[in-house]
Protein backbone atom coordinates (compact mmCIF):
# COMPACT_ATOMS: atom_id res chain seq x y z
CA MET A 1 -128.02 -17.57 36.95
CA PRO A 2 -125.35 -15.25 38.23
CA THR A 3 -123.47 -13.36 35.67
CA LEU A 4 -119.67 -13.11 35.77
CA SER A 5 -118.45 -9.76 34.77
CA ILE A 6 -114.77 -9.11 34.20
CA SER A 7 -113.99 -5.51 34.44
CA SER A 8 -110.54 -4.25 33.52
CA THR A 9 -109.39 -1.02 34.94
CA ALA A 10 -107.61 1.08 32.43
CA ARG A 11 -104.42 2.81 33.45
CA THR A 12 -103.83 6.22 32.24
CA PHE A 13 -100.31 7.40 31.75
CA SER A 14 -99.72 11.06 32.01
CA PRO A 15 -96.54 13.11 32.09
CA TYR A 16 -97.43 14.05 35.65
CA ASN A 17 -97.30 10.47 36.83
CA LYS A 18 -94.15 10.06 39.02
CA PRO A 19 -93.61 6.33 38.42
CA PHE A 20 -93.57 7.01 34.70
CA LEU A 21 -90.86 9.63 35.15
CA SER A 22 -88.73 7.41 37.40
CA ARG A 23 -88.84 4.52 34.96
CA GLN A 24 -86.63 5.37 32.01
CA THR A 25 -86.07 2.95 29.23
CA THR A 26 -82.80 2.87 27.29
CA HIS A 27 -82.46 1.53 23.84
CA PRO A 28 -80.07 -1.44 23.47
CA HIS A 29 -78.01 0.45 20.89
CA ASN A 30 -77.60 3.35 23.31
CA LYS A 31 -76.40 0.95 26.01
CA LEU A 32 -73.78 -0.47 23.65
CA PHE A 33 -72.60 3.00 22.65
CA LEU A 34 -72.22 4.11 26.28
CA HIS A 35 -70.31 0.94 27.14
CA LEU A 36 -67.89 1.43 24.24
CA ALA A 37 -67.34 5.10 25.10
CA HIS A 38 -66.58 4.26 28.72
CA THR A 39 -64.22 1.46 27.72
CA SER A 40 -62.34 3.60 25.18
CA SER A 41 -61.93 6.50 27.63
CA SER A 42 -60.60 4.21 30.36
CA PHE A 43 -58.29 2.55 27.80
CA LEU A 44 -56.89 5.90 26.75
CA ARG A 45 -56.37 6.94 30.34
CA LEU A 46 -54.69 3.72 31.44
CA HIS A 47 -52.86 2.72 28.28
CA PRO A 48 -49.15 2.30 29.20
CA LEU A 49 -47.84 3.37 25.79
CA ARG A 50 -49.75 6.65 25.99
CA VAL A 51 -48.56 7.22 29.55
CA SER A 52 -44.96 6.55 28.55
CA ILE A 53 -45.21 8.91 25.59
CA ASN A 54 -46.60 11.64 27.82
CA ARG A 55 -43.83 11.10 30.34
CA GLN A 56 -41.17 11.18 27.65
CA GLY A 57 -42.62 14.37 26.24
CA THR A 58 -42.66 15.95 29.69
CA MET A 59 -39.07 14.85 30.32
CA LEU A 60 -37.95 16.22 26.98
CA LYS A 61 -39.59 19.55 27.74
CA GLN A 62 -37.91 19.67 31.13
CA GLN A 63 -34.54 18.76 29.61
CA ARG A 64 -34.92 21.43 26.94
CA ARG A 65 -35.80 24.00 29.57
CA GLY A 66 -32.83 22.92 31.68
CA ILE A 67 -30.42 23.09 28.74
CA GLY A 68 -31.67 26.55 27.82
CA THR A 69 -31.17 27.73 31.39
CA VAL A 70 -27.62 26.35 31.60
CA CYS A 71 -26.63 27.80 28.26
CA SER A 72 -28.01 31.19 29.08
CA SER A 73 -26.35 31.45 32.52
CA ALA A 74 -22.75 30.29 32.19
CA PRO A 75 -20.52 33.21 33.30
CA LEU A 76 -16.73 33.02 33.69
CA THR A 77 -15.82 32.29 37.28
CA VAL A 78 -12.57 33.08 39.07
CA ARG A 79 -11.62 29.41 39.04
CA SER A 80 -12.05 29.12 35.28
CA LEU A 81 -10.02 32.28 34.74
CA GLN A 82 -7.25 30.86 36.92
CA TRP A 83 -7.21 27.68 34.87
CA ILE A 84 -6.96 29.70 31.63
CA SER A 85 -4.05 31.70 33.05
CA THR A 86 -2.25 28.57 34.27
CA VAL A 87 -2.54 26.75 30.95
CA SER A 88 -1.43 29.86 29.07
CA ALA A 89 1.59 30.30 31.36
CA VAL A 90 2.66 26.67 30.87
CA VAL A 91 2.24 27.01 27.09
CA LEU A 92 4.33 30.19 27.14
CA MET A 93 7.03 28.44 29.16
CA LEU A 94 7.40 25.78 26.46
CA ALA A 95 6.74 27.99 23.42
CA LYS A 96 9.42 29.27 21.08
CA GLY A 97 9.56 32.36 18.92
CA THR A 98 9.30 34.87 21.75
CA ALA A 99 11.76 37.21 23.41
CA VAL A 100 10.15 37.25 26.87
CA GLN A 101 12.15 36.45 29.97
CA LYS A 102 10.40 33.26 30.98
CA SER A 103 11.57 33.32 34.58
CA TYR A 104 8.86 35.96 35.24
CA LEU A 105 6.26 33.30 34.55
CA VAL A 106 7.17 31.46 37.76
CA PRO A 107 5.79 34.08 40.22
CA LEU A 108 2.87 34.66 37.86
CA PHE A 109 2.06 30.95 38.01
CA ALA A 110 2.28 30.97 41.82
CA LEU A 111 -0.10 33.94 42.07
CA GLN A 112 -2.75 32.85 39.56
CA ALA A 113 -2.75 29.04 39.75
CA PRO A 114 -5.98 27.43 41.04
CA THR A 115 -6.21 26.46 44.68
CA SER A 116 -6.38 22.75 43.86
CA ILE A 117 -2.96 22.86 42.14
CA ILE A 118 -1.38 24.85 44.99
CA SER A 119 -2.76 22.39 47.56
CA TRP A 120 -1.39 19.46 45.53
CA MET A 121 2.05 21.10 45.34
CA LYS A 122 2.15 21.75 49.08
CA GLY A 123 0.99 18.21 49.84
CA GLU A 124 2.85 14.91 50.00
CA TYR A 125 2.67 14.29 46.27
CA GLY A 126 4.25 17.68 45.60
CA PHE A 127 7.14 16.90 47.96
CA TRP A 128 7.80 13.57 46.28
CA THR A 129 7.63 15.14 42.82
CA ALA A 130 10.12 17.83 43.77
CA PHE A 131 12.45 15.27 45.39
CA LEU A 132 12.48 12.99 42.32
CA ALA A 133 12.89 15.94 39.94
CA LEU A 134 15.91 17.18 41.92
CA LEU A 135 17.46 13.72 41.79
CA VAL A 136 17.02 13.63 38.02
CA ARG A 137 18.45 17.15 37.76
CA LEU A 138 21.59 16.12 39.66
CA PHE A 139 22.55 13.33 37.25
CA PHE A 140 21.01 14.41 33.93
CA PHE A 141 20.86 17.56 31.89
CA ILE A 142 17.44 19.22 31.69
CA PRO A 143 16.69 21.99 29.18
CA GLY A 144 15.84 25.42 30.52
CA GLU A 145 12.18 25.19 29.47
CA LEU A 146 11.73 22.04 31.55
CA GLU A 147 13.49 23.53 34.57
CA LEU A 148 10.89 26.27 34.93
CA PRO A 149 8.09 23.92 36.14
CA LEU A 150 10.51 22.50 38.71
CA VAL A 151 11.44 26.00 39.89
CA ALA A 152 7.73 26.89 40.13
CA LEU A 153 7.09 23.77 42.21
CA LEU A 154 9.96 24.58 44.59
CA LEU A 155 8.86 28.22 44.86
CA VAL A 156 5.32 27.24 45.87
CA ILE A 157 6.59 24.70 48.41
CA VAL A 158 9.01 27.06 50.18
CA ALA A 159 6.88 30.23 49.87
CA PRO A 160 5.83 31.69 53.28
CA TYR A 161 2.19 32.16 54.06
CA GLN A 162 2.51 35.97 53.87
CA VAL A 163 3.33 35.64 50.17
CA MET A 164 0.65 33.03 49.52
CA ASN A 165 -1.94 35.29 51.12
CA LEU A 166 -1.54 37.60 48.13
CA ARG A 167 -3.39 35.05 46.07
CA GLY A 168 -6.92 36.28 45.39
CA ALA A 169 -6.23 39.72 46.88
CA LYS A 170 -6.10 42.98 44.97
CA GLU A 171 -2.39 43.35 45.65
CA GLY A 172 -1.63 39.99 44.07
CA VAL A 173 -3.74 40.85 41.01
CA VAL A 174 -1.88 44.16 40.61
CA VAL A 175 1.49 42.37 40.81
CA SER A 176 0.32 39.82 38.26
CA LEU A 177 -0.89 42.58 35.93
CA ALA A 178 2.49 44.34 36.20
CA ILE A 179 4.32 41.11 35.31
CA VAL A 180 1.98 40.47 32.38
CA GLY A 181 2.41 44.02 31.10
CA TYR A 182 6.18 43.66 31.17
CA LEU A 183 6.04 40.30 29.37
CA ALA A 184 3.71 41.70 26.70
CA PHE A 185 6.05 44.66 26.17
CA GLN A 186 9.02 42.30 25.77
CA HIS A 187 7.16 40.04 23.38
CA PHE A 188 5.79 42.68 21.01
CA SER A 189 9.02 44.70 21.12
CA GLY A 190 11.02 41.61 20.20
CA ALA A 191 8.61 40.76 17.38
CA GLY A 192 9.07 44.21 15.86
CA SER A 193 5.42 44.82 14.99
CA LEU A 194 1.96 43.54 15.69
CA ARG A 195 1.77 41.81 12.33
CA ARG A 196 5.01 39.88 12.91
CA ALA A 197 3.76 38.81 16.33
CA PHE A 198 1.05 36.77 14.57
CA ASP A 199 3.43 34.99 12.22
CA GLN A 200 3.54 31.22 12.11
CA GLY A 201 6.58 30.95 14.38
CA SER A 202 5.30 33.15 17.22
CA ILE A 203 1.49 32.96 17.04
CA ILE A 204 1.27 30.46 19.95
CA ALA A 205 3.29 32.72 22.26
CA THR A 206 1.22 35.73 21.16
CA LEU A 207 -2.06 33.98 21.93
CA ALA A 208 -0.73 32.89 25.34
CA ILE A 209 0.33 36.47 26.13
CA LEU A 210 -3.09 37.80 25.12
CA CYS A 211 -4.90 35.19 27.25
CA ILE A 212 -2.80 35.98 30.33
CA THR A 213 -3.33 39.72 29.86
CA ALA A 214 -7.10 39.34 29.45
CA VAL A 215 -7.35 37.12 32.51
CA SER A 216 -5.35 39.56 34.65
CA CYS A 217 -7.58 42.44 33.57
CA LEU A 218 -10.76 40.45 34.32
CA LEU A 219 -9.47 39.43 37.75
CA LEU A 220 -8.74 43.06 38.55
CA ILE A 221 -12.34 43.96 37.77
């Protein structure tokens, strides 16, 4: 009777067996941990609230840097100095408590006024303003302080270009500084002393004189 023999071949697993190295088993808990880590990292990268916070932080940093730059580099320009001189001259025209001859402020205004104001005076609106002011002056009484702006407007309108070319030149700055020096001498001489020039009645005129003098000196530099 033939005998049936079942022989089983035993497999030996060794660390040098290549299929054993290529087949790596992962524990289910490890798979879950890797999945959660990947999901949380992608959530943090793509979360809109986090992105918006980062953008706001970046914008705030840029704004702070921009503000610091603007604040640190804000020098006085010629245009700003001209505006300071113009406002001070107008204030001095209307101020009381000073002994200066205010008619000298008219050429000073024409020499140191900003270009935008001079262009407006020489334009159509300036002509109409001068025409209406002259009509009012013919039929009504205008105080002397209010006549000075009208005289300044007429002087700028009828001034030849040779005179207007002095604006911004060294010669015009020297003339302006001479006028300001004379006005300051009149003001402080009329006040009697430096302390009286800063009294309540004449402090506005004194501050206007000091502003005009400082602006003229800075423009000469």
